[in-house]
Protein backbone atom coordinates (compact mmCIF):
# COMPACT_ATOMS: atom_id res chain seq x y z
CA MET A 1 -5.22 -37.01 -1.20
CA SER A 2 -8.11 -38.53 0.74
CA GLY A 3 -7.55 -35.90 3.44
CA LEU A 4 -8.66 -33.26 0.95
CA ASN A 5 -12.19 -34.68 1.13
CA THR A 6 -12.34 -34.38 4.93
CA PRO A 7 -13.39 -30.88 6.06
CA LEU A 8 -11.28 -30.65 9.22
CA TRP A 9 -8.14 -32.06 7.61
CA GLY A 10 -8.64 -29.81 4.63
CA TYR A 11 -8.55 -26.69 6.79
CA ILE A 12 -5.59 -27.99 8.80
CA ILE A 13 -3.60 -28.61 5.62
CA VAL A 14 -4.26 -25.10 4.30
CA VAL A 15 -3.43 -23.34 7.58
CA ALA A 16 -0.27 -25.45 8.01
CA ALA A 17 0.83 -24.51 4.49
CA VAL A 18 0.45 -20.80 5.33
CA VAL A 19 2.47 -21.18 8.55
CA VAL A 20 5.29 -23.06 6.83
CA ALA A 21 5.43 -20.69 3.87
CA TYR A 22 5.15 -17.37 5.74
CA GLY A 23 6.63 -18.32 9.11
CA PRO A 24 10.13 -17.01 8.20
CA ALA A 25 8.63 -13.50 7.87
CA LEU A 26 8.02 -13.31 11.64
CA ASP A 27 11.64 -12.16 12.07
CA ASN A 28 11.27 -9.36 9.50
CA GLU A 29 11.37 -5.65 10.34
CA PHE A 30 9.15 -2.74 9.35
CA THR A 31 9.68 -1.96 5.67
CA TYR A 32 8.66 0.54 3.01
CA ASP A 33 5.33 2.27 3.89
CA ASP A 34 5.16 0.46 7.25
CA ARG A 35 7.25 3.22 8.81
CA GLY A 36 4.89 6.01 7.81
CA LEU A 37 1.61 4.18 8.39
CA VAL A 38 2.53 2.43 11.64
CA LEU A 39 5.58 3.93 13.35
CA GLY A 40 4.96 7.47 12.09
CA ASP A 41 1.18 7.62 12.54
CA GLN A 42 0.17 8.98 15.95
CA ARG A 43 -3.39 7.82 15.33
CA VAL A 44 -2.08 4.24 15.52
CA SER A 45 0.17 4.64 18.59
CA GLU A 46 -2.38 6.75 20.49
CA ALA A 47 -5.51 4.86 19.34
CA ASP A 48 -7.07 8.11 18.15
CA TRP A 49 -10.33 6.62 16.86
CA ARG A 50 -11.88 9.98 16.00
CA SER A 51 -9.00 10.83 13.64
CA ILE A 52 -8.93 7.31 12.23
CA VAL A 53 -12.57 7.63 11.20
CA GLY A 54 -12.41 11.29 10.15
CA GLN A 55 -9.11 11.45 8.24
CA SER A 56 -7.68 9.93 5.10
CA TYR A 57 -5.40 6.90 5.09
CA TRP A 58 -2.26 9.03 5.32
CA GLY A 59 -3.78 11.46 7.82
CA ASP A 60 -5.42 14.26 5.81
CA ALA A 61 -2.54 14.36 3.36
CA GLY A 62 -4.80 14.81 0.32
CA ASP A 63 -4.10 11.25 -0.78
CA GLY A 64 -7.78 10.56 -1.52
CA LEU A 65 -7.59 7.15 0.20
CA TYR A 66 -9.93 6.17 3.02
CA ARG A 67 -9.21 2.90 4.82
CA PRO A 68 -10.34 3.35 8.43
CA LEU A 69 -10.70 -0.38 9.12
CA THR A 70 -7.10 -1.02 8.10
CA THR A 71 -5.79 1.83 10.26
CA ALA A 72 -8.00 0.68 13.13
CA SER A 73 -6.57 -2.84 12.89
CA LEU A 74 -3.04 -1.40 13.08
CA ALA A 75 -4.05 0.62 16.15
CA LEU A 76 -5.41 -2.53 17.83
CA ASN A 77 -2.22 -4.32 16.85
CA TRP A 78 -0.22 -1.54 18.50
CA GLY A 79 -2.16 -2.17 21.69
CA LEU A 80 -0.99 -5.79 21.59
CA GLY A 81 2.61 -5.49 20.41
CA LYS A 82 3.52 -1.77 20.46
CA ASP A 83 6.39 -1.24 17.97
CA GLN A 84 7.44 -4.91 17.80
CA PRO A 85 7.21 -5.90 14.11
CA TRP A 86 6.80 -9.63 14.75
CA SER A 87 3.29 -9.09 16.16
CA TYR A 88 2.17 -7.28 12.98
CA HIS A 89 3.64 -9.99 10.76
CA LEU A 90 1.93 -12.63 12.89
CA ILE A 91 -1.47 -10.96 12.50
CA ASN A 92 -0.94 -10.65 8.74
CA MET A 93 -0.09 -14.34 8.53
CA LEU A 94 -3.13 -15.34 10.58
CA LEU A 95 -5.42 -13.12 8.50
CA HIS A 96 -4.01 -14.69 5.33
CA ALA A 97 -4.69 -18.14 6.76
CA LEU A 98 -8.24 -17.01 7.54
CA ALA A 99 -8.71 -15.77 3.98
CA ALA A 100 -7.43 -19.08 2.58
CA GLY A 101 -9.78 -21.00 4.89
CA MET A 102 -12.70 -18.87 3.74
CA VAL A 103 -11.81 -19.68 0.12
CA VAL A 104 -11.97 -23.37 1.05
CA TYR A 105 -15.38 -22.96 2.66
CA ALA A 106 -16.93 -20.79 -0.06
CA VAL A 107 -15.73 -23.07 -2.88
CA SER A 108 -16.90 -26.19 -1.03
CA LEU A 109 -20.39 -24.68 -0.77
CA LEU A 110 -20.53 -24.01 -4.52
CA TYR A 111 -18.66 -27.09 -5.75
CA GLU A 112 -17.14 -29.79 -3.49
CA MET A 113 -14.69 -30.02 -0.59
CA ARG A 114 -11.66 -31.34 -2.43
CA MET A 115 -11.85 -28.56 -5.01
CA GLY A 116 -12.20 -26.08 -2.15
CA VAL A 117 -9.06 -27.34 -0.39
CA VAL A 118 -7.03 -27.21 -3.60
CA ALA A 119 -8.29 -23.69 -4.31
CA GLY A 120 -7.39 -22.69 -0.76
CA LEU A 121 -3.88 -24.15 -1.12
CA LEU A 122 -3.32 -22.42 -4.46
CA PHE A 123 -4.48 -19.13 -2.99
CA ALA A 124 -2.52 -19.54 0.24
CA LEU A 125 0.76 -20.24 -1.56
CA GLN A 126 0.36 -17.94 -4.58
CA PRO A 127 3.72 -16.07 -4.74
CA GLY A 128 2.46 -13.28 -7.03
CA PRO A 129 0.49 -11.28 -4.44
CA SER A 130 2.66 -12.33 -1.46
CA GLU A 131 3.71 -8.70 -0.95
CA ALA A 132 0.31 -8.15 0.67
CA VAL A 133 1.34 -10.53 3.48
CA PHE A 134 5.03 -9.63 3.80
CA SER A 135 4.35 -5.88 3.89
CA ILE A 136 2.59 -4.98 7.15
CA VAL A 137 0.41 -2.33 5.51
CA GLY A 138 -0.47 -4.87 2.83
CA ARG A 139 -3.01 -5.87 5.46
CA ALA A 140 -5.46 -3.59 3.65
CA GLU A 141 -5.67 -6.16 0.84
CA ILE A 142 -6.07 -9.08 3.25
CA LEU A 143 -8.79 -7.40 5.30
CA ALA A 144 -10.69 -6.39 2.16
CA CYS A 145 -10.47 -9.98 0.92
CA CYS A 146 -11.56 -11.55 4.23
CA LEU A 147 -14.57 -9.26 4.50
CA GLY A 148 -15.45 -9.77 0.83
CA LEU A 149 -15.29 -13.55 1.22
CA GLY A 150 -17.43 -13.14 4.34
CA ALA A 151 -20.03 -11.37 2.18
CA ILE A 152 -20.00 -14.32 -0.26
CA ILE A 153 -20.44 -16.89 2.50
CA CYS A 154 -23.24 -14.89 4.13
CA GLY A 155 -24.83 -14.37 0.72
CA LEU A 156 -24.86 -18.08 -0.02
CA SER A 157 -26.50 -18.71 3.35
CA ALA A 158 -29.04 -15.92 2.82
CA ARG A 159 -29.99 -17.23 -0.65
CA GLU A 160 -30.70 -20.66 0.82
CA LYS A 161 -32.24 -19.82 4.21
CA GLY A 162 -33.30 -16.17 3.95
CA GLY A 163 -33.38 -13.96 7.01
CA LEU A 164 -32.97 -10.22 7.32
CA TRP A 165 -29.93 -10.53 9.57
CA ARG A 166 -28.10 -12.66 6.99
CA TRP A 167 -28.68 -10.04 4.30
CA GLY A 168 -27.55 -7.43 6.83
CA CYS A 169 -24.30 -9.37 7.25
CA VAL A 170 -23.79 -9.32 3.47
CA PHE A 171 -24.25 -5.56 3.42
CA GLY A 172 -21.97 -5.01 6.42
CA CYS A 173 -19.20 -7.23 5.03
CA LEU A 174 -19.29 -5.51 1.65
CA VAL A 175 -19.13 -2.03 3.16
CA GLY A 176 -16.36 -3.17 5.50
CA SER A 177 -14.40 -4.63 2.59
CA MET A 178 -14.49 -1.31 0.75
CA LEU A 179 -13.55 0.60 3.93
CA ALA A 180 -10.53 -1.67 4.35
CA LYS A 181 -9.42 -0.90 0.80
CA GLU A 182 -11.16 0.59 -2.20
CA ASN A 183 -10.72 -2.43 -4.48
CA GLY A 184 -12.93 -4.41 -2.09
CA MET A 185 -15.62 -3.11 -4.44
CA ALA A 186 -14.74 -6.10 -6.64
CA PHE A 187 -16.70 -8.39 -4.30
CA ALA A 188 -19.84 -6.28 -4.65
CA ALA A 189 -19.33 -6.34 -8.42
CA GLY A 190 -18.91 -10.13 -8.38
CA LEU A 191 -22.10 -10.72 -6.41
CA LEU A 192 -24.01 -8.32 -8.66
CA VAL A 193 -22.80 -9.94 -11.89
CA TRP A 194 -23.48 -13.41 -10.51
CA GLU A 195 -27.10 -12.60 -9.65
CA MET A 196 -27.70 -10.89 -12.99
CA ALA A 197 -26.34 -13.93 -14.85
CA ALA A 198 -28.30 -16.42 -12.73
CA GLU A 199 -31.59 -14.54 -12.38
CA ARG A 200 -31.47 -12.30 -15.48
CA ARG A 201 -32.35 -9.36 -13.23
CA ILE A 202 -31.27 -7.56 -10.07
CA ARG A 203 -32.89 -9.01 -6.97
CA THR A 204 -32.02 -8.87 -3.27
CA MET A 205 -28.30 -9.66 -3.47
CA GLY A 206 -27.71 -7.29 -6.39
CA ALA A 207 -29.62 -4.51 -4.67
CA ILE A 208 -27.58 -5.00 -1.48
CA ALA A 209 -24.33 -4.94 -3.48
CA LEU A 210 -25.32 -1.66 -5.15
CA ALA A 211 -26.43 -0.19 -1.82
CA ALA A 212 -23.11 -1.18 -0.22
CA MET A 213 -21.16 0.56 -3.00
CA VAL A 214 -23.19 3.74 -2.57
CA CYS A 215 -22.81 3.59 1.22
CA ALA A 216 -19.01 3.11 1.11
CA VAL A 217 -18.57 5.95 -1.37
CA GLY A 218 -20.86 8.18 0.71
CA VAL A 219 -18.96 7.47 3.93
CA LYS A 220 -15.67 8.26 2.21
CA TRP A 221 -17.01 11.57 0.88
CA TRP A 222 -18.42 12.46 4.29
CA ALA A 223 -15.13 11.70 6.04
CA ILE A 224 -12.49 13.24 3.75
CA GLY A 225 -14.44 15.21 1.14
CA MET A 226 -12.75 13.65 -1.88
CA LEU A 227 -12.98 10.47 -3.92
CA VAL A 228 -9.67 10.59 -5.80
CA PRO A 229 -6.16 11.74 -4.77
CA ALA A 230 -5.50 15.48 -4.89
CA GLY A 231 -2.18 14.75 -6.60
CA ILE A 232 -0.19 11.70 -7.72
CA GLY A 233 3.59 11.72 -7.88
CA TYR A 234 5.19 11.02 -11.25
CA LEU A 235 7.20 8.09 -9.92
CA ASP A 236 4.04 6.63 -8.35
CA ASN A 237 2.13 6.67 -11.63
CA PRO A 238 3.40 8.53 -14.71
CA LEU A 239 0.13 7.63 -16.47
CA ALA A 240 -1.48 10.38 -14.36
CA TYR A 241 0.52 12.89 -16.43
CA GLY A 242 -0.48 11.54 -19.83
CA THR A 243 -3.63 11.77 -21.89
CA ASP A 244 -6.73 9.77 -21.03
CA ALA A 245 -6.38 7.90 -24.32
CA MET A 246 -2.84 6.71 -23.55
CA ARG A 247 -3.78 5.81 -19.99
CA PHE A 248 -6.62 3.72 -21.43
CA ALA A 249 -4.29 2.07 -23.94
CA HIS A 250 -1.67 1.16 -21.35
CA GLY A 251 -4.34 -0.28 -19.08
CA PHE A 252 -4.71 -3.37 -21.27
CA GLY A 253 -0.99 -4.03 -20.96
CA LEU A 254 -1.29 -3.74 -17.19
CA LEU A 255 -4.18 -6.23 -17.18
CA ALA A 256 -2.15 -8.70 -19.22
CA ARG A 257 0.86 -8.13 -16.98
CA ALA A 258 -1.22 -8.81 -13.86
CA LEU A 259 -2.52 -12.09 -15.25
CA VAL A 260 0.94 -13.26 -16.33
CA LYS A 261 2.41 -12.30 -12.96
CA MET A 262 -0.12 -14.56 -11.20
CA ILE A 263 0.43 -17.51 -13.55
CA PHE A 264 4.21 -17.13 -13.79
CA PRO A 265 5.22 -15.08 -10.73
CA TRP A 266 8.83 -14.30 -11.61
CA PRO A 267 10.59 -12.01 -11.10
CA LEU A 268 8.91 -10.57 -8.03
CA VAL A 269 10.07 -7.09 -7.05
CA ALA A 270 8.61 -4.20 -5.03
CA ASP A 271 9.18 -1.64 -7.78
CA TYR A 272 6.42 0.15 -9.68
CA SER A 273 8.44 2.80 -11.49
CA PRO A 274 8.34 3.67 -15.22
CA GLN A 275 11.66 1.87 -15.63
CA GLN A 276 9.91 -1.40 -14.74
CA ILE A 277 6.82 -0.73 -16.85
CA PRO A 278 7.79 1.32 -19.92
CA LEU A 279 5.34 3.82 -21.38
CA TYR A 280 4.68 4.47 -25.06
CA ASN A 281 3.48 7.54 -26.91
CA GLN A 282 1.72 5.88 -29.84
CA TRP A 283 -1.21 3.53 -30.12
CA TRP A 284 0.17 1.40 -32.91
CA THR A 285 2.98 -0.36 -31.11
CA GLY A 286 3.06 -4.07 -30.39
CA GLU A 287 3.34 -3.44 -26.66
CA ILE A 288 -0.13 -1.82 -26.74
CA VAL A 289 -1.92 -3.61 -29.58
CA TRP A 290 -1.15 -7.21 -28.61
CA PRO A 291 -2.19 -6.87 -24.96
CA LEU A 292 -5.40 -5.23 -26.21
CA VAL A 293 -6.10 -8.17 -28.52
CA PHE A 294 -5.23 -10.62 -25.74
CA VAL A 295 -7.56 -8.99 -23.19
CA VAL A 296 -10.44 -8.71 -25.69
CA HIS A 297 -10.04 -12.39 -26.61
CA LEU A 298 -9.87 -13.36 -22.94
CA ALA A 299 -13.00 -11.32 -22.20
CA ALA A 300 -14.87 -13.09 -25.03
CA CYS A 301 -13.89 -16.53 -23.70
CA THR A 302 -14.92 -15.45 -20.22
CA MET A 303 -18.35 -14.36 -21.45
CA VAL A 304 -18.90 -17.76 -23.04
CA LEU A 305 -17.89 -19.53 -19.83
CA MET A 306 -20.13 -17.32 -17.73
CA ARG A 307 -23.13 -17.95 -19.98
CA ASN A 308 -22.69 -21.70 -19.65
CA GLU A 309 -22.15 -21.70 -15.89
CA ALA A 310 -23.50 -18.81 -13.81
CA ARG A 311 -21.42 -19.73 -10.74
CA TRP A 312 -18.28 -18.66 -12.60
CA CYS A 313 -19.68 -15.13 -12.79
CA LEU A 314 -18.97 -14.74 -9.08
CA TRP A 315 -15.26 -15.63 -9.18
CA LEU A 316 -14.54 -14.14 -12.58
CA GLY A 317 -16.39 -10.98 -11.60
CA ILE A 318 -14.27 -10.63 -8.47
CA SER A 319 -10.96 -11.23 -10.26
CA ALA A 320 -11.76 -9.16 -13.32
CA GLY A 321 -13.30 -6.39 -11.23
CA ALA A 322 -10.27 -6.12 -8.93
CA MET A 323 -7.84 -6.03 -11.86
CA LEU A 324 -9.98 -3.56 -13.80
CA ALA A 325 -10.23 -1.22 -10.80
CA THR A 326 -6.43 -0.99 -10.58
CA SER A 327 -5.58 -1.04 -14.30
CA ASN A 328 -5.93 2.76 -14.80
CA ILE A 329 -8.49 2.15 -17.54
CA LEU A 330 -11.43 3.53 -15.55
CA VAL A 331 -9.67 5.87 -13.10
CA THR A 332 -6.11 6.97 -12.42
CA THR A 333 -4.79 5.13 -9.39
CA GLY A 334 -1.98 5.97 -6.99
CA THR A 335 0.37 3.37 -8.46
CA ILE A 336 1.03 2.21 -11.99
CA PHE A 337 1.28 -1.42 -10.85
CA ALA A 338 1.84 -3.23 -7.56
CA GLU A 339 2.09 -6.93 -6.88
CA ARG A 340 -0.01 -6.61 -3.72
CA LEU A 341 -2.95 -5.60 -5.94
CA LEU A 342 -3.04 -9.18 -7.22
CA TYR A 343 -4.22 -10.51 -3.84
CA ILE A 344 -7.98 -10.32 -4.51
CA PRO A 345 -7.74 -11.44 -8.18
CA ALA A 346 -5.69 -14.44 -7.00
CA ALA A 347 -8.76 -15.76 -5.16
CA GLY A 348 -10.75 -16.12 -8.37
CA LEU A 349 -7.80 -17.47 -10.32
CA SER A 350 -7.19 -20.11 -7.64
CA VAL A 351 -10.77 -21.37 -8.02
CA ALA A 352 -10.31 -21.64 -11.80
CA LEU A 353 -7.01 -23.49 -11.42
CA ALA A 354 -8.54 -25.86 -8.84
CA TRP A 355 -11.33 -26.66 -11.31
CA CYS A 356 -8.72 -27.43 -13.99
CA TRP A 357 -6.83 -29.57 -11.47
CA GLY A 358 -10.00 -31.63 -10.93
CA LYS A 359 -10.08 -32.51 -14.65
CA MET A 360 -6.61 -34.10 -14.55
CA ALA A 361 -5.81 -37.77 -14.03
CA GLU A 362 -5.26 -38.84 -10.41
CA CYS A 363 -1.51 -39.35 -10.83
CA GLN A 364 -1.12 -35.97 -12.52
CA ARG A 365 -3.07 -34.33 -9.70
CA ARG A 366 -0.78 -35.72 -7.00
CA VAL A 367 2.49 -34.95 -8.77
CA GLY A 368 1.38 -31.58 -10.11
CA LEU A 369 0.10 -30.29 -6.76
CA ALA A 370 3.16 -31.56 -4.88
CA ILE A 371 5.62 -29.97 -7.32
CA TRP A 372 3.71 -26.70 -7.34
CA MET A 373 3.64 -26.51 -3.54
CA ILE A 374 7.38 -27.11 -3.28
CA VAL A 375 8.19 -24.45 -5.89
CA ALA A 376 5.75 -21.95 -4.40
CA MET A 377 7.14 -22.39 -0.87
CA GLY A 378 10.67 -21.94 -2.16
CA MET A 379 9.69 -18.69 -3.86
CA LEU A 380 7.89 -17.47 -0.74
CA TRP A 381 10.93 -18.19 1.46
CA ASP A 382 13.02 -16.22 -1.02
CA ARG A 383 10.58 -13.30 -0.86
CA ALA A 384 10.54 -13.44 2.95
CA ALA A 385 14.32 -12.92 2.90
CA ALA A 386 13.96 -10.03 0.45
CA TRP A 387 11.43 -8.33 2.78
CA ARG A 388 13.63 -8.82 5.86
CA ASP A 389 14.35 -5.07 6.16
CA ASP A 390 14.55 -1.99 3.95
CA GLN A 391 18.14 -2.60 2.91
CA ALA A 392 17.43 -6.16 1.78
CA LEU A 393 14.23 -5.07 0.04
CA PHE A 394 15.69 -2.21 -1.95
CA LYS A 395 18.90 -4.12 -2.65
CA SER A 396 16.64 -6.68 -4.31
CA VAL A 397 14.93 -3.90 -6.28
CA VAL A 398 18.12 -2.33 -7.65
CA ASP A 399 19.62 -5.74 -8.43
CA LYS A 400 16.62 -6.66 -10.60
CA HIS A 401 15.89 -3.15 -11.89
CA PRO A 402 19.09 -1.08 -11.83
CA LEU A 403 17.34 1.81 -13.60
CA SER A 404 14.77 2.24 -10.85
CA ALA A 405 15.10 5.71 -9.31
CA ARG A 406 12.72 4.72 -6.52
CA GLY A 407 14.79 1.63 -5.75
CA HIS A 408 18.03 3.60 -5.37
CA TYR A 409 16.23 6.18 -3.23
CA GLY A 410 14.84 3.50 -0.93
CA LEU A 411 18.27 1.89 -0.63
CA GLY A 412 19.73 5.29 0.25
CA LEU A 413 17.15 5.75 3.02
CA ALA A 414 17.95 2.33 4.47
CA LEU A 415 21.71 2.98 4.42
CA GLN A 416 21.26 6.43 5.96
CA ARG A 417 19.19 5.00 8.82
CA GLN A 418 22.00 2.53 9.49
CA GLY A 419 24.60 5.34 9.66
CA ASP A 420 26.28 4.53 6.35
CA ALA A 421 26.11 8.09 4.97
CA PRO A 422 28.75 7.70 2.19
CA ARG A 423 26.93 4.79 0.54
CA ALA A 424 23.58 6.54 1.08
CA ILE A 425 24.93 9.60 -0.77
CA ALA A 426 25.93 7.38 -3.71
CA SER A 427 22.45 5.82 -3.85
CA TYR A 428 20.72 9.22 -3.72
CA LYS A 429 23.03 10.51 -6.44
CA ARG A 430 22.11 7.57 -8.65
CA ALA A 431 18.39 8.20 -8.02
CA THR A 432 18.65 11.88 -9.01
CA ALA A 433 20.70 10.96 -12.08
CA LEU A 434 17.88 8.69 -13.22
CA TYR A 435 15.17 11.23 -12.35
CA PRO A 436 16.57 14.78 -11.98
CA ARG A 437 13.39 16.12 -10.35
CA TYR A 438 13.52 13.59 -7.52
CA LEU A 439 13.37 16.20 -4.76
CA GLU A 440 13.10 13.71 -1.90
CA ALA A 441 16.35 12.06 -3.02
CA GLU A 442 18.10 15.43 -3.38
CA TYR A 443 16.89 16.58 0.05
CA ASN A 444 18.03 13.40 1.79
CA ARG A 445 21.34 13.48 -0.06
CA ALA A 446 21.93 16.98 1.32
CA ALA A 447 21.13 15.73 4.82
CA ALA A 448 23.63 12.86 4.39
CA LEU A 449 26.26 15.37 3.19
CA VAL A 450 25.76 17.28 6.44
CA GLU A 451 26.44 14.04 8.32
CA VAL A 452 29.82 13.59 6.58
CA GLY A 453 30.73 17.27 7.06
CA ASP A 454 30.48 18.44 3.43
CA PHE A 455 28.43 21.53 4.29
CA ARG A 456 29.07 23.42 1.06
CA ALA A 457 27.74 20.57 -1.10
CA ALA A 458 24.82 20.14 1.32
CA ALA A 459 23.86 23.79 0.97
CA GLU A 460 23.97 23.48 -2.83
CA GLY A 461 21.68 20.47 -2.60
CA TYR A 462 19.15 22.28 -0.44
CA ARG A 463 19.23 25.24 -2.85
CA ARG A 464 18.41 22.95 -5.76
CA VAL A 465 15.41 21.61 -3.85
CA VAL A 466 14.19 25.13 -3.05
CA GLU A 467 14.65 26.24 -6.66
CA LEU A 468 12.46 23.40 -7.90
CA ARG A 469 9.96 23.63 -5.04
CA PRO A 470 10.02 27.07 -3.36
CA ASN A 471 7.51 25.96 -0.71
CA HIS A 472 9.67 23.06 0.52
CA ILE A 473 9.72 24.16 4.17
CA ASN A 474 12.19 21.55 5.41
CA ALA A 475 14.77 22.39 2.74
CA ARG A 476 14.44 26.12 3.40
CA HIS A 477 14.80 25.51 7.14
CA ALA A 478 17.91 23.34 6.70
CA LEU A 479 19.46 25.85 4.28
CA ALA A 480 18.87 28.72 6.71
CA LEU A 481 20.61 26.78 9.49
CA LEU A 482 23.62 26.08 7.27
CA GLU A 483 23.88 29.73 6.30
CA LEU A 484 23.72 30.79 9.95
CA GLU A 485 26.46 28.33 10.81
CA PHE A 486 28.85 29.07 7.97
CA GLY A 487 28.97 32.77 7.25
CA ALA A 488 25.79 34.09 5.62
CA VAL A 489 24.32 35.10 8.98
CA GLU A 490 22.09 37.93 7.78
CA ARG A 491 20.62 35.85 4.99
CA GLY A 492 20.09 32.88 7.30
CA GLU A 493 18.37 35.00 9.95
CA ALA A 494 16.14 36.64 7.34
CA GLN A 495 15.12 33.21 6.02
CA LEU A 496 14.36 31.90 9.52
CA ARG A 497 12.23 34.92 10.32
CA LYS A 498 10.37 34.56 7.04
CA LEU A 499 9.73 30.89 7.76
CA HIS A 500 8.47 31.75 11.24
CA ARG A 501 6.01 34.28 9.81
CA GLU A 502 4.75 31.69 7.31
CA ARG A 503 4.59 28.85 9.85
CA GLU A 504 3.93 30.49 13.20
CA ARG A 505 2.75 27.22 14.74
CA ASP A 506 5.88 25.27 13.71
CA VAL A 507 7.74 24.83 17.01
CA GLY A 508 10.85 23.48 15.28
CA ILE A 509 11.35 26.66 13.28
CA LEU A 510 10.71 28.81 16.34
CA ARG A 511 13.21 26.78 18.36
CA SER A 512 15.89 27.32 15.70
CA LEU A 513 15.24 31.06 15.69
CA VAL A 514 15.36 31.21 19.50
CA ASP A 515 18.65 29.28 19.58
CA PHE A 516 20.18 31.77 17.15
CA LEU A 517 18.95 34.77 19.13
CA LEU A 518 20.32 33.32 22.38
CA ARG A 519 23.73 32.74 20.80
CA SER A 520 23.62 36.33 19.57
CA GLY A 521 22.91 37.63 23.07
CA ARG A 522 19.33 38.70 22.27
CA SER A 523 17.50 36.72 24.95
CA ALA A 524 14.88 39.45 25.47
CA GLU A 525 13.86 39.29 21.83
CA ALA A 526 13.72 35.48 22.00
CA ARG A 527 11.54 35.69 25.13
CA ASP A 528 9.15 38.09 23.38
CA LEU A 529 8.78 35.74 20.40
CA VAL A 530 7.90 32.76 22.60
CA ALA A 531 5.60 34.81 24.82
CA GLU A 532 3.71 35.97 21.71
CA ARG A 533 3.14 32.38 20.65
CA LEU A 534 2.09 31.37 24.16
CA GLU A 535 -0.65 33.98 24.07
CA ALA A 536 -2.14 32.15 21.08
CA ASP A 537 -1.37 28.62 22.32
CA GLY A 538 -1.00 28.71 26.08
CA GLN A 539 -1.30 24.93 26.56
CA ASN A 540 1.63 24.04 24.31
CA SER A 541 4.16 22.21 26.51
CA GLN A 542 6.94 22.58 23.94
CA LEU A 543 6.61 26.37 24.00
CA ARG A 544 6.79 26.33 27.79
CA GLU A 545 9.98 24.27 27.64
CA ILE A 546 11.54 26.80 25.26
CA LEU A 547 10.55 29.67 27.56
CA ALA A 548 12.08 27.84 30.54
CA LEU A 549 15.30 27.42 28.56
CA ILE A 550 15.39 31.15 27.82
CA ASN A 551 14.79 32.05 31.46
CA ALA A 552 17.62 29.74 32.52
CA GLN A 553 20.11 31.72 30.44
CA PRO A 554 22.55 33.87 32.50
CA PRO A 555 21.97 37.63 32.19
CA PRO A 556 24.14 39.42 29.58
């Protein structure tokens, strides 16, 4: 325990704990959103900095998210390790170790070194938000936290020594935190509340925090022209489809759930569907009233603590602000609940728990910290195994939440990628049974049916998708190809031509139409179609390849 009082040994202990706890994740694959935001994002693989700065997180998909620093870090990571997942997991682990070390340093400045080391250990090994480290794209949380903690450290230095450049660092770190992920705003809120409690007015730090918020919001509006998502899927957050009053009511339950998940992090599961978090239609149910009473009581106790000790305003402001921002009470978010969102709140909670640890007897401190570290590492090793790949991850989801439509869909995707089409079809079927309007599951099920040769059932599946979403281009394209192949030639050709008129720039659709025309002996018509597109887009190499293929055809 004496090593906890020595600065160098304190940092070594915390970093070693991170390496031991998260080291098994270095063998993990890309999982969940990693595929779309790393492997499937050309901005990352091509280091397209202009698009990274000027587009939304998902690439102008109307998602309303703007995290250029996170995408930029993934692009830099690609430059180091290309598509090797171990390098991304290594960077996540190192960033998490950095965040834990910054917790140690910040707490030691405000309190004392031993409390800082314990807070850093509790934060480093907290299983609740571990998804942020195991998921590669969870890096957004870690970057936001590192930059936010950097703002705190710079702010403490600026309060003591002054200097314009130090205040500039506070501003830059706060803006960077919010451009890594939106809930980085919690750090600006914490610094603002802390100064107001300590000084009874807004001075330099508070003004900088407010200016950073305005700047981050302004940059986001300038870049993507929106502040909230254009649309939120039902399975992402069904609260987006309810009334504001019911969203507000459920928010207190989500706050209570977040706090309990950090204190008692079991079970841990990457599922945020309505089946995991049930929704209610009336105010006067215990599931809404009691969390409301609990949160109000907790807020009252917090206010008393903050009045007696202004330093607590910083950590409580950060934790409460981060949870409030994602609770759906103020705004509708893109997910009803996600364990990775607990990463920033865990920093404040760890400080509070370290303070409580300091009030215990020496023997209780030793035994309690040792037991907690052993249990936490065991849980983290278990989670590392669950995040090994998509199949392991979604198998874990459906085992713990068998009524999760999203879980069965994710398991189906993983099985389909591995070539196990029959089991993938069963998983997709289960997903659509749980949520009949799950178009992605129906579409992928139809594709898996094509793989096993059940073309009639596949066509029926594509038709169901088109009936529910007439503008589903991929389903219409696949259905047209099946009709061309199995009898309804005129209808299939008409659908392909219609798709080509609607999406003239879609080379895939044009290629399908050209292939059909060549098989039908109409190479001249195919050549005219491609030549027409080349007039509008003469530099398109794919169009030139198609034209070369047509010219290579033997004369009729």
